[in-house]
Amino acid sequence: MRARLILVFLLAPLGLALAAQRGSAEPGHPGYAGLEICNDTAVPQTLSLAYRDDGRWISNGWWSLSPETCERVLDAPLKNRFYYFHSEAQNWQFLDERISFCTAPGNFTIYGDRDCAIRGYNSAFFAKIDTQLPAALSGSDQAASAYVARLSSHSRPAPVGADAVRRLMPEEVAAADTAFEQDVTFQGCEVRSGDGRVICKLVMGAGQLCVTNDGMTDPAIIDRLQALAPGTPVRVSGESLTSGDLVTYASLTALTERDETRHDLMLEDLAGQWVSQADAYDLFVIEGAARRNFYGSVETMTELLSVQTSCNDATAAGAYLVAQAEDGGPTHCYRIMSLTDRELVLSYMPRGTELRYQRQNQPLN
């Protein structure tokens, strides 16, 4: 009898812990009655939200939040653990987590998170809101209060004198209808299925140069581009036709292959498949000047790459991997801390978050 009582007392803490775990998964456990986002920064912010609902992704916006105000962006019991947001403010920097969703000017509700540009939308990188609520508890009838997220967790004043993205310099690509000469990296050409139009992409320091067979460029140059291997370093000259922040359409008058720089060689050394040491499902494949990102066997996005001596306000000695969303989205900076035949170590700027990857030559499933 005494031994049985001792055993009961010894197992009691474990029983309480198991009961707590079971209780946290019971349907009647309180969840959250909605999602509220507060602007605890010193400036007005505009906000967009993305989340999964009934098996499909939804992004919507924009909400305007004055300083020290909150907005109830979802007014129903939460169904998910994770939600995603993006905020913008003049002269402020949003610290995203490279999670891309579609957006649009003005008020919008967009279903789906793929092919944003093809569907006529913009795209932006969002940050994660972790309600730390197990899925089994979400949407509980006993939900009492909203989960509160704060913008200051991912928003801060932009560094003085630094642009959010390094803009194209006049000597790189001039304004519309002016001549330019530029060292670029050829990425590839594609033929559109609808009209057979050829579009060739070349990657610059921050941004991309696009050339098409619209009659503005000598067809012989288009043919030469189509014959190049992805990642070939070239020098081009011509005239810019339309120039945005990150994408310039141009007519070319000359195209020559150039000698490889140390940055070209480093980009070449990065070619291959890399798998995160923290999450085996998180991986990417670099070919030429492009990075295709995957989670498991599902492709999430494609980015255009270049290697530079600096990026945004990061100027510490070393090389930086600059990644720009292929559809003209935000540009992101990674300091290359180490690159060997087997391992790649990046520091995601400006936070300095260390990311470790292992080279893997196995094909994707």
Protein backbone atom coordinates (compact mmCIF):
# COMPACT_ATOMS: atom_id res chain seq x y z
CA MET A 1 0.00 0.00 0.00
CA ARG A 2 2.78 2.41 0.92
CA ALA A 3 4.59 1.59 -2.33
CA ARG A 4 1.39 2.25 -4.28
CA LEU A 5 0.94 5.67 -2.65
CA ILE A 6 4.54 6.59 -3.40
CA LEU A 7 4.01 5.62 -7.02
CA VAL A 8 0.84 7.76 -7.18
CA PHE A 9 2.70 10.81 -5.84
CA LEU A 10 5.59 10.23 -8.25
CA LEU A 11 3.25 10.00 -11.22
CA ALA A 12 1.02 12.90 -10.16
CA PRO A 13 3.12 15.66 -11.81
CA LEU A 14 3.27 13.64 -15.02
CA GLY A 15 -0.48 13.10 -14.87
CA LEU A 16 -1.07 16.83 -14.45
CA ALA A 17 1.19 17.58 -17.39
CA LEU A 18 -0.61 15.07 -19.59
CA ALA A 19 -3.97 16.42 -18.46
CA ALA A 20 -2.83 19.93 -19.33
CA GLN A 21 -1.78 18.74 -22.77
CA ARG A 22 -5.09 16.97 -23.29
CA GLY A 23 -6.96 19.98 -22.02
CA SER A 24 -5.18 22.27 -24.45
CA ALA A 25 -6.39 20.11 -27.34
CA GLU A 26 -9.99 19.76 -26.23
CA PRO A 27 -12.52 21.55 -28.47
CA GLY A 28 -13.90 23.59 -25.57
CA HIS A 29 -10.60 25.31 -24.79
CA PRO A 30 -10.78 29.09 -25.42
CA GLY A 31 -9.16 30.42 -28.59
CA TYR A 32 -9.02 33.96 -30.03
CA ALA A 33 -12.11 35.87 -31.13
CA GLY A 34 -10.30 37.82 -33.84
CA LEU A 35 -7.04 39.48 -34.91
CA GLU A 36 -6.12 43.03 -33.98
CA ILE A 37 -3.04 44.88 -35.22
CA CYS A 38 -1.78 47.97 -33.43
CA ASN A 39 0.44 50.72 -34.79
CA ASP A 40 2.87 51.30 -31.94
CA THR A 41 5.31 53.20 -34.18
CA ALA A 42 5.68 56.97 -34.41
CA VAL A 43 4.33 57.34 -37.97
CA PRO A 44 1.14 56.53 -39.93
CA GLN A 45 1.28 53.06 -41.51
CA THR A 46 -0.69 51.25 -44.19
CA LEU A 47 -1.30 47.55 -43.61
CA SER A 48 -2.21 44.47 -45.63
CA LEU A 49 -3.01 40.99 -44.35
CA ALA A 50 -2.77 37.45 -45.76
CA TYR A 51 -4.06 34.18 -44.38
CA ARG A 52 -5.41 30.76 -45.34
CA ASP A 53 -9.16 30.22 -45.39
CA ASP A 54 -10.94 27.01 -46.43
CA GLY A 55 -7.83 25.72 -48.19
CA ARG A 56 -7.04 28.86 -50.22
CA TRP A 57 -4.82 31.87 -49.63
CA ILE A 58 -6.37 35.33 -49.32
CA SER A 59 -4.59 38.67 -49.18
CA ASN A 60 -6.39 41.95 -48.60
CA GLY A 61 -5.75 45.58 -47.71
CA TRP A 62 -5.12 48.36 -47.23
CA TRP A 63 -5.87 49.61 -43.73
CA SER A 64 -4.60 53.02 -42.61
CA LEU A 65 -3.36 53.12 -39.03
CA SER A 66 -2.41 56.34 -37.28
CA PRO A 67 0.16 56.13 -34.48
CA GLU A 68 -1.19 54.60 -31.26
CA THR A 69 -4.28 53.17 -32.96
CA CYS A 70 -5.39 49.58 -33.54
CA GLU A 71 -7.43 47.91 -36.28
CA ARG A 72 -9.52 44.75 -35.95
CA VAL A 73 -8.54 43.13 -39.26
CA LEU A 74 -10.38 39.85 -38.56
CA ASP A 75 -13.54 39.82 -36.47
CA ALA A 76 -14.25 36.09 -36.20
CA PRO A 77 -12.71 33.22 -34.21
CA LEU A 78 -9.25 32.51 -35.62
CA LYS A 79 -8.92 29.28 -37.59
CA ASN A 80 -5.15 29.27 -38.06
CA ARG A 81 -2.07 29.55 -35.94
CA PHE A 82 -0.20 31.70 -38.49
CA TYR A 83 -1.25 34.93 -40.19
CA TYR A 84 0.89 37.26 -42.31
CA PHE A 85 1.12 41.04 -42.65
CA HIS A 86 2.95 43.74 -44.56
CA SER A 87 3.13 47.42 -43.54
CA GLU A 88 4.44 50.51 -45.28
CA ALA A 89 5.37 53.97 -44.03
CA GLN A 90 7.34 56.82 -45.54
CA ASN A 91 11.03 56.62 -44.61
CA TRP A 92 10.43 53.43 -42.63
CA GLN A 93 11.75 49.96 -43.35
CA PHE A 94 9.64 46.79 -43.15
CA LEU A 95 11.54 43.73 -41.88
CA ASP A 96 9.81 40.95 -43.79
CA GLU A 97 10.41 37.21 -43.66
CA ARG A 98 10.50 36.49 -47.42
CA ILE A 99 6.91 35.21 -47.51
CA SER A 100 5.39 36.49 -50.76
CA PHE A 101 1.74 37.38 -51.42
CA CYS A 102 -0.12 39.37 -54.07
CA THR A 103 -1.09 43.00 -53.46
CA ALA A 104 -2.64 45.83 -55.45
CA PRO A 105 -3.02 49.61 -55.17
CA GLY A 106 -6.12 50.77 -53.30
CA ASN A 107 -8.52 48.39 -51.58
CA PHE A 108 -8.10 44.78 -52.68
CA THR A 109 -9.06 41.20 -51.91
CA ILE A 110 -7.00 38.67 -53.87
CA TYR A 111 -7.44 34.90 -53.87
CA GLY A 112 -4.30 32.82 -54.41
CA ASP A 113 -0.63 33.63 -53.84
CA ARG A 114 0.87 32.59 -57.20
CA ASP A 115 1.36 34.26 -60.61
CA CYS A 116 0.75 37.74 -59.19
CA ALA A 117 2.28 39.63 -62.14
CA ILE A 118 0.55 37.44 -64.74
CA ARG A 119 -2.80 38.20 -63.09
CA GLY A 120 -2.08 41.94 -63.08
CA TYR A 121 -1.18 42.29 -59.39
CA ASN A 122 1.89 43.45 -57.52
CA SER A 123 3.68 41.26 -54.99
CA ALA A 124 5.26 42.00 -51.63
CA PHE A 125 7.08 40.14 -48.90
CA PHE A 126 5.16 39.65 -45.65
CA ALA A 127 6.10 38.78 -42.06
CA LYS A 128 4.57 36.06 -39.92
CA ILE A 129 2.19 36.51 -36.98
CA ASP A 130 2.40 33.46 -34.72
CA THR A 131 -0.65 33.30 -32.44
CA GLN A 132 0.93 30.21 -30.80
CA LEU A 133 -2.52 28.67 -30.93
CA PRO A 134 -2.70 24.97 -31.85
CA ALA A 135 -4.96 24.33 -34.80
CA ALA A 136 -7.28 22.19 -32.65
CA LEU A 137 -8.12 25.24 -30.54
CA SER A 138 -8.73 27.63 -33.41
CA GLY A 139 -12.26 28.79 -33.98
CA SER A 140 -13.44 27.78 -30.50
CA ASP A 141 -16.93 28.86 -29.55
CA GLN A 142 -15.49 30.03 -26.22
CA ALA A 143 -13.03 32.46 -27.83
CA ALA A 144 -12.90 35.47 -25.56
CA SER A 145 -10.54 38.12 -26.92
CA ALA A 146 -8.64 39.03 -30.06
CA TYR A 147 -4.98 38.25 -30.59
CA VAL A 148 -3.02 41.52 -30.68
CA ALA A 149 0.02 42.01 -32.96
CA ARG A 150 2.16 45.16 -33.05
CA LEU A 151 3.78 46.77 -36.09
CA SER A 152 6.98 47.70 -34.26
CA SER A 153 8.01 44.03 -34.30
CA HIS A 154 8.81 44.35 -38.03
CA SER A 155 8.96 48.08 -38.75
CA ARG A 156 11.71 50.57 -38.00
CA PRO A 157 13.03 53.91 -39.30
CA ALA A 158 15.06 53.55 -42.48
CA PRO A 159 18.79 54.28 -42.10
CA VAL A 160 19.62 57.90 -42.89
CA GLY A 161 20.78 58.32 -46.45
CA ALA A 162 19.91 54.76 -47.48
CA ASP A 163 17.26 53.75 -50.01
CA ALA A 164 15.12 50.68 -49.41
CA VAL A 165 16.67 49.35 -52.60
CA ARG A 166 19.72 50.62 -54.42
CA ARG A 167 18.25 52.40 -57.44
CA LEU A 168 19.74 52.09 -60.90
CA MET A 169 22.45 54.69 -61.34
CA PRO A 170 22.52 56.95 -64.41
CA GLU A 171 25.72 55.35 -65.66
CA GLU A 172 24.10 51.91 -65.34
CA VAL A 173 20.78 52.45 -67.06
CA ALA A 174 19.83 55.95 -68.07
CA ALA A 175 16.36 57.40 -68.10
CA ALA A 176 14.04 56.56 -70.97
CA ASP A 177 15.28 57.37 -74.51
CA THR A 178 18.95 57.70 -73.44
CA ALA A 179 21.94 55.53 -74.31
CA PHE A 180 23.62 53.19 -71.84
CA GLU A 181 26.40 50.65 -71.58
CA GLN A 182 26.14 48.04 -68.83
CA ASP A 183 27.85 44.91 -67.51
CA VAL A 184 25.13 42.34 -66.81
CA THR A 185 24.60 38.61 -66.33
CA PHE A 186 22.45 36.81 -68.85
CA GLN A 187 19.70 34.72 -67.24
CA GLY A 188 17.65 33.30 -70.09
CA CYS A 189 14.99 33.80 -72.75
CA GLU A 190 11.45 32.51 -72.80
CA VAL A 191 8.82 32.32 -75.52
CA ARG A 192 5.33 33.34 -74.44
CA SER A 193 2.74 30.74 -75.33
CA GLY A 194 0.04 33.27 -76.19
CA ASP A 195 1.70 35.37 -78.88
CA GLY A 196 5.11 33.72 -79.38
CA ARG A 197 6.91 36.81 -78.15
CA VAL A 198 10.51 36.27 -76.98
CA ILE A 199 11.55 37.93 -73.71
CA CYS A 200 15.21 37.79 -72.64
CA LYS A 201 16.24 38.72 -69.09
CA LEU A 202 19.60 40.10 -67.97
CA VAL A 203 20.40 40.71 -64.31
CA MET A 204 22.01 43.95 -63.13
CA GLY A 205 23.30 44.98 -59.72
CA ALA A 206 19.77 45.51 -58.40
CA GLY A 207 17.12 45.00 -61.01
CA GLN A 208 16.72 43.42 -64.41
CA LEU A 209 17.03 44.40 -68.05
CA CYS A 210 14.43 42.93 -70.42
CA VAL A 211 14.80 42.71 -74.19
CA THR A 212 12.09 41.49 -76.57
CA ASN A 213 11.74 40.72 -80.28
CA ASP A 214 9.47 43.71 -80.81
CA GLY A 215 11.49 45.08 -83.74
CA MET A 216 13.46 47.53 -81.58
CA THR A 217 16.44 45.17 -81.26
CA ASP A 218 18.30 43.57 -84.18
CA PRO A 219 16.97 39.99 -84.57
CA ALA A 220 20.59 38.78 -84.75
CA ILE A 221 21.13 40.00 -81.17
CA ILE A 222 17.97 38.19 -80.02
CA ASP A 223 19.29 35.01 -81.66
CA ARG A 224 22.65 35.42 -79.89
CA LEU A 225 20.91 35.89 -76.56
CA GLN A 226 18.87 32.73 -77.06
CA ALA A 227 22.09 30.80 -77.74
CA LEU A 228 23.81 31.90 -74.47
CA ALA A 229 23.95 29.71 -71.37
CA PRO A 230 22.29 31.05 -68.19
CA GLY A 231 24.85 32.86 -66.05
CA THR A 232 26.99 34.11 -68.97
CA PRO A 233 28.57 37.51 -68.15
CA VAL A 234 28.02 40.01 -70.98
CA ARG A 235 28.32 43.70 -71.76
CA VAL A 236 25.40 45.35 -73.54
CA SER A 237 24.70 48.78 -74.93
CA GLY A 238 21.57 50.36 -76.31
CA GLU A 239 18.68 52.59 -75.32
CA SER A 240 16.25 52.19 -72.45
CA LEU A 241 12.62 52.34 -73.60
CA THR A 242 10.75 52.23 -70.30
CA SER A 243 12.42 52.29 -66.91
CA GLY A 244 10.85 51.43 -63.56
CA ASP A 245 12.41 51.06 -60.14
CA LEU A 246 13.70 47.56 -60.80
CA VAL A 247 12.76 46.54 -64.37
CA THR A 248 14.01 48.29 -67.50
CA TYR A 249 12.89 47.40 -71.03
CA ALA A 250 15.52 48.27 -73.62
CA SER A 251 16.57 47.96 -77.24
CA LEU A 252 20.11 46.65 -77.66
CA THR A 253 22.62 47.82 -80.26
CA ALA A 254 25.59 45.70 -79.11
CA LEU A 255 26.23 42.50 -77.16
CA THR A 256 29.65 41.08 -76.22
CA GLU A 257 30.74 38.41 -73.79
CA ARG A 258 33.08 39.78 -71.10
CA ASP A 259 35.70 38.36 -68.74
CA GLU A 260 34.39 36.94 -65.47
CA THR A 261 34.89 39.02 -62.33
CA ARG A 262 35.37 37.47 -58.88
CA HIS A 263 31.67 38.09 -58.24
CA ASP A 264 30.75 36.25 -61.44
CA LEU A 265 32.91 33.33 -60.30
CA MET A 266 31.26 33.32 -56.86
CA LEU A 267 27.80 33.24 -58.45
CA GLU A 268 29.01 30.33 -60.55
CA ASP A 269 30.25 28.54 -57.41
CA LEU A 270 26.79 28.96 -55.87
CA ALA A 271 25.16 26.90 -58.63
CA GLY A 272 23.37 23.80 -57.39
CA GLN A 273 20.82 22.69 -54.84
CA TRP A 274 21.05 23.87 -51.23
CA VAL A 275 19.06 22.52 -48.28
CA SER A 276 18.56 24.38 -44.98
CA GLN A 277 20.29 22.74 -42.01
CA ALA A 278 17.41 23.95 -39.82
CA ASP A 279 14.55 22.62 -41.98
CA ALA A 280 15.10 19.88 -44.56
CA TYR A 281 11.97 20.99 -46.44
CA ASP A 282 13.41 24.50 -47.00
CA LEU A 283 15.64 24.41 -50.08
CA PHE A 284 16.56 26.30 -53.23
CA VAL A 285 18.25 25.67 -56.57
CA ILE A 286 20.59 28.23 -58.15
CA GLU A 287 21.09 28.13 -61.90
CA GLY A 288 22.81 30.96 -63.69
CA ALA A 289 21.57 34.17 -62.10
CA ALA A 290 18.29 32.77 -60.74
CA ARG A 291 17.26 31.05 -57.52
CA ARG A 292 14.18 28.80 -57.46
CA ASN A 293 12.85 28.42 -53.92
CA PHE A 294 11.01 25.31 -52.73
CA TYR A 295 9.30 24.01 -49.63
CA GLY A 296 9.47 20.28 -50.04
CA SER A 297 8.63 19.63 -53.70
CA VAL A 298 6.41 22.75 -53.99
CA GLU A 299 8.06 25.70 -55.75
CA THR A 300 7.30 28.95 -53.93
CA MET A 301 9.03 31.69 -55.93
CA THR A 302 11.91 32.57 -58.28
CA GLU A 303 14.43 35.33 -57.58
CA LEU A 304 17.10 36.92 -59.77
CA LEU A 305 20.56 37.01 -58.18
CA SER A 306 23.74 39.03 -58.29
CA VAL A 307 26.83 39.21 -56.07
CA GLN A 308 27.96 42.70 -55.00
CA THR A 309 30.37 44.43 -52.63
CA SER A 310 27.51 46.11 -50.72
CA CYS A 311 23.73 46.08 -50.48
CA ASN A 312 21.39 48.78 -49.13
CA ASP A 313 23.08 50.20 -46.02
CA ALA A 314 25.25 47.09 -45.50
CA THR A 315 28.80 48.02 -46.46
CA ALA A 316 30.97 45.77 -44.26
CA ALA A 317 33.82 44.12 -46.15
CA GLY A 318 32.81 41.00 -48.00
CA ALA A 319 30.44 39.81 -50.70
CA TYR A 320 26.66 40.17 -50.65
CA LEU A 321 24.08 38.02 -52.41
CA VAL A 322 21.34 40.29 -53.74
CA ALA A 323 18.03 38.53 -54.51
CA GLN A 324 15.15 40.20 -56.33
CA ALA A 325 11.74 38.62 -56.91
CA GLU A 326 11.42 37.76 -60.60
CA ASP A 327 8.12 39.63 -60.97
CA GLY A 328 9.67 42.90 -59.77
CA GLY A 329 9.04 42.51 -56.04
CA PRO A 330 11.33 43.57 -53.19
CA THR A 331 15.11 43.07 -53.22
CA HIS A 332 16.81 41.31 -50.29
CA CYS A 333 20.39 41.20 -49.10
CA TYR A 334 22.46 38.35 -47.69
CA ARG A 335 26.06 38.70 -46.63
CA ILE A 336 28.00 35.62 -47.75
CA MET A 337 29.80 34.54 -44.59
CA SER A 338 31.19 31.25 -45.93
CA LEU A 339 31.02 29.27 -49.16
CA THR A 340 32.63 25.85 -49.59
CA ASP A 341 31.94 22.85 -51.80
CA ARG A 342 29.55 21.49 -49.13
CA GLU A 343 28.27 24.40 -47.03
CA LEU A 344 26.88 27.91 -47.51
CA VAL A 345 26.47 30.33 -44.61
CA LEU A 346 24.46 33.53 -45.20
CA SER A 347 23.60 36.42 -42.92
CA TYR A 348 20.17 37.87 -43.76
CA MET A 349 20.40 41.67 -43.66
CA PRO A 350 19.68 43.91 -41.87
CA ARG A 351 18.88 41.60 -38.95
CA GLY A 352 22.01 39.51 -39.25
CA THR A 353 20.05 36.23 -38.94
CA GLU A 354 22.39 33.34 -39.73
CA LEU A 355 21.19 30.84 -42.36
CA ARG A 356 23.12 27.61 -42.95
CA TYR A 357 22.69 25.40 -46.00
CA GLN A 358 24.16 22.08 -47.11
CA ARG A 359 24.82 21.34 -50.78
CA GLN A 360 22.69 18.47 -52.03
CA ASN A 361 22.92 17.00 -55.50
CA GLN A 362 19.86 14.78 -55.24
CA PRO A 363 17.02 15.67 -57.65
CA LEU A 364 13.72 17.01 -56.31
CA ASN A 365 10.88 14.51 -55.99
